[in-house]
Each structure stands twice: as C-alpha cells, then as structure tokens.
C-alpha atoms as a PDB file:
ATOM      1  CA  UNK A   1    -125.197  13.130 -13.138  1.00  0.00           C
ATOM      2  CA  UNK A   2    -126.490  10.391 -14.493  1.00  0.00           C
ATOM      3  CA  UNK A   3    -126.908  10.341 -18.449  1.00  0.00           C
ATOM      4  CA  UNK A   4    -128.356   7.932 -21.429  1.00  0.00           C
ATOM      5  CA  UNK A   5    -126.094   7.325 -24.132  1.00  0.00           C
ATOM      6  CA  UNK A   6    -124.603   4.137 -26.736  1.00  0.00           C
ATOM      7  CA  UNK A   7    -122.303   1.534 -25.821  1.00  0.00           C
ATOM      8  CA  UNK A   8    -121.114  -0.306 -28.448  1.00  0.00           C
ATOM      9  CA  UNK A   9    -121.591  -3.680 -29.376  1.00  0.00           C
ATOM     10  CA  UNK A  10    -120.450  -6.159 -31.895  1.00  0.00           C
ATOM     11  CA  UNK A  11    -118.230  -7.749 -34.140  1.00  0.00           C
ATOM     12  CA  UNK A  12    -115.426  -5.833 -36.872  1.00  0.00           C
ATOM     13  CA  UNK A  13    -117.818  -3.433 -39.361  1.00  0.00           C
ATOM     14  CA  UNK A  14    -121.182  -4.898 -38.276  1.00  0.00           C
ATOM     15  CA  UNK A  15    -121.646  -2.627 -34.787  1.00  0.00           C
ATOM     16  CA  UNK A  16    -125.057  -2.402 -32.896  1.00  0.00           C
ATOM     17  CA  UNK A  17    -125.628  -0.387 -30.033  1.00  0.00           C
ATOM     18  CA  UNK A  18    -127.023  -0.634 -26.642  1.00  0.00           C
ATOM     19  CA  UNK A  19    -128.918   2.556 -24.987  1.00  0.00           C
ATOM     20  CA  UNK A  20    -127.968   2.387 -21.447  1.00  0.00           C
ATOM     21  CA  UNK A  21    -128.579   4.505 -18.221  1.00  0.00           C
ATOM     22  CA  UNK A  22    -124.813   5.249 -16.056  1.00  0.00           C
ATOM     23  CA  UNK A  23    -123.502   8.150 -14.225  1.00  0.00           C
ATOM     24  CA  UNK A  24    -121.201  10.457 -16.713  1.00  0.00           C
ATOM     25  CA  UNK A  25    -117.851   9.939 -15.453  1.00  0.00           C
ATOM     26  CA  UNK A  26    -118.396   5.671 -15.514  1.00  0.00           C
ATOM     27  CA  UNK A  27    -117.018   3.669 -18.532  1.00  0.00           C
ATOM     28  CA  UNK A  28    -119.505   2.949 -21.005  1.00  0.00           C
ATOM     29  CA  UNK A  29    -118.484  -0.902 -21.330  1.00  0.00           C
ATOM     30  CA  UNK A  30    -118.563  -1.448 -17.647  1.00  0.00           C
ATOM     31  CA  UNK A  31    -121.183  -1.250 -15.337  1.00  0.00           C
ATOM     32  CA  UNK A  32    -124.317   0.589 -15.729  1.00  0.00           C
ATOM     33  CA  UNK A  33    -127.738   0.821 -14.174  1.00  0.00           C
ATOM     34  CA  UNK A  34    -130.263  -0.262 -16.709  1.00  0.00           C
ATOM     35  CA  UNK A  35    -130.068  -0.962 -20.054  1.00  0.00           C
ATOM     36  CA  UNK A  36    -133.289   0.647 -22.090  1.00  0.00           C
ATOM     37  CA  UNK A  37    -132.651  -1.457 -25.232  1.00  0.00           C
ATOM     38  CA  UNK A  38    -130.629  -1.311 -28.765  1.00  0.00           C
ATOM     39  CA  UNK A  39    -129.964   0.593 -32.159  1.00  0.00           C
ATOM     40  CA  UNK A  40    -128.605  -1.004 -34.989  1.00  0.00           C
ATOM     41  CA  UNK A  41    -127.628   1.458 -37.635  1.00  0.00           C
ATOM     42  CA  UNK A  42    -126.681  -0.744 -40.381  1.00  0.00           C
ATOM     43  CA  UNK A  43    -130.380  -2.404 -40.406  1.00  0.00           C
ATOM     44  CA  UNK A  44    -131.972   0.783 -39.300  1.00  0.00           C
ATOM     45  CA  UNK A  45    -133.481  -1.037 -36.565  1.00  0.00           C
ATOM     46  CA  UNK A  46    -134.116  -0.274 -32.494  1.00  0.00           C
ATOM     47  CA  UNK A  47    -136.293  -1.688 -30.387  1.00  0.00           C
ATOM     48  CA  UNK A  48    -136.500   0.911 -27.077  1.00  0.00           C
ATOM     49  CA  UNK A  49    -138.064   0.393 -23.801  1.00  0.00           C
ATOM     50  CA  UNK A  50    -140.464   3.916 -24.087  1.00  0.00           C
ATOM     51  CA  UNK A  51    -141.697   3.934 -20.535  1.00  0.00           C
ATOM     52  CA  UNK A  52    -138.619   3.690 -18.888  1.00  0.00           C
ATOM     53  CA  UNK A  53    -137.021   6.003 -21.040  1.00  0.00           C
ATOM     54  CA  UNK A  54    -139.318   8.586 -19.878  1.00  0.00           C
ATOM     55  CA  UNK A  55    -138.737   7.250 -16.306  1.00  0.00           C
ATOM     56  CA  UNK A  56    -135.234   8.102 -16.297  1.00  0.00           C
ATOM     57  CA  UNK A  57    -135.833  11.301 -18.639  1.00  0.00           C
ATOM     58  CA  UNK A  58    -138.067  12.560 -15.304  1.00  0.00           C
ATOM     59  CA  UNK A  59    -135.321  11.350 -12.800  1.00  0.00           C
ATOM     60  CA  UNK A  60    -133.119  13.958 -14.464  1.00  0.00           C
ATOM     61  CA  UNK A  61    -131.115  11.700 -16.632  1.00  0.00           C
ATOM     62  CA  UNK A  62    -129.233  13.704 -19.619  1.00  0.00           C
ATOM     63  CA  UNK A  63    -129.297  11.490 -22.699  1.00  0.00           C
ATOM     64  CA  UNK A  64    -125.969  12.519 -25.081  1.00  0.00           C
ATOM     65  CA  UNK A  65    -126.844  14.061 -28.451  1.00  0.00           C
ATOM     66  CA  UNK A  66    -126.609  10.976 -30.323  1.00  0.00           C
ATOM     67  CA  UNK A  67    -129.500   9.073 -27.644  1.00  0.00           C
ATOM     68  CA  UNK A  68    -131.519  12.685 -28.067  1.00  0.00           C
ATOM     69  CA  UNK A  69    -131.699  12.495 -32.152  1.00  0.00           C
ATOM     70  CA  UNK A  70    -132.617   9.461 -32.209  1.00  0.00           C
ATOM     71  CA  UNK A  71    -135.461  10.042 -29.081  1.00  0.00           C
ATOM     72  CA  UNK A  72    -136.502  12.657 -31.420  1.00  0.00           C
ATOM     73  CA  UNK A  73    -137.100  10.280 -34.559  1.00  0.00           C
ATOM     74  CA  UNK A  74    -138.878   7.837 -32.758  1.00  0.00           C
ATOM     75  CA  UNK A  75    -141.043  10.577 -31.420  1.00  0.00           C
ATOM     76  CA  UNK A  76    -140.289   9.553 -27.742  1.00  0.00           C
ATOM     77  CA  UNK A  77    -139.578  13.398 -26.795  1.00  0.00           C
ATOM     78  CA  UNK A  78    -140.558  16.072 -28.834  1.00  0.00           C
ATOM     79  CA  UNK A  79    -137.540  19.048 -29.139  1.00  0.00           C
ATOM     80  CA  UNK A  80    -135.143  19.796 -31.998  1.00  0.00           C
ATOM     81  CA  UNK A  81    -132.273  17.790 -33.265  1.00  0.00           C
ATOM     82  CA  UNK A  82    -129.235  18.504 -31.693  1.00  0.00           C
ATOM     83  CA  UNK A  83    -125.926  19.264 -33.837  1.00  0.00           C
ATOM     84  CA  UNK A  84    -123.617  16.411 -33.274  1.00  0.00           C
ATOM     85  CA  UNK A  85    -120.209  16.329 -34.025  1.00  0.00           C
ATOM     86  CA  UNK A  86    -118.036  13.425 -34.891  1.00  0.00           C
ATOM     87  CA  UNK A  87    -114.409  13.463 -33.459  1.00  0.00           C
ATOM     88  CA  UNK A  88    -111.786  13.249 -35.552  1.00  0.00           C
ATOM     89  CA  UNK A  89    -108.391  11.367 -35.074  1.00  0.00           C
END
C-alpha cells in the first residue's frame, strides 16, 4: 500500500520535513517513489506539488494523519482534520 508521509531532514533543533510517497513498509529515510514538497514547521512555510499530490491520492495513496492535516490546512483536500497522537518514549 502506498502512503504519503514526512521524512525528517535538517540539523539538530532545525528540522524540516520532505513530503514523500513510498510503500508503507519502507523506511522513510531510504528510497522513495517521489518527493512531493517540503514543510518547515519553524518558519511555517511549505512548498507542495499540488497536481502530483492529487495524482497519488487518486492512485490510492493514503496520507498519514500529520500529512492529512497539512493538506487540509493548505486546502488541497476537503475533509475534517484527523487526531494526531505523539509517540511518548
């Protein structure tokens, strides 16, 4: 199953995220099918390839909860926001 998820990049305390498409079981730091843009939470900026995101969603790719909420905020998809749980160690 294809999924659209974040892949963390950047230095310590200066992270940004690439938005990528890959198989659900694959490592997000390894190979991926396509880079769909990036999101910088520190500066609240993002650059998204909207046509390609819609293409992959039409092919059946499922976004993670965090990516889904970003797409709702950017008005790329019309849906309710999903609840995101933080992983506590």
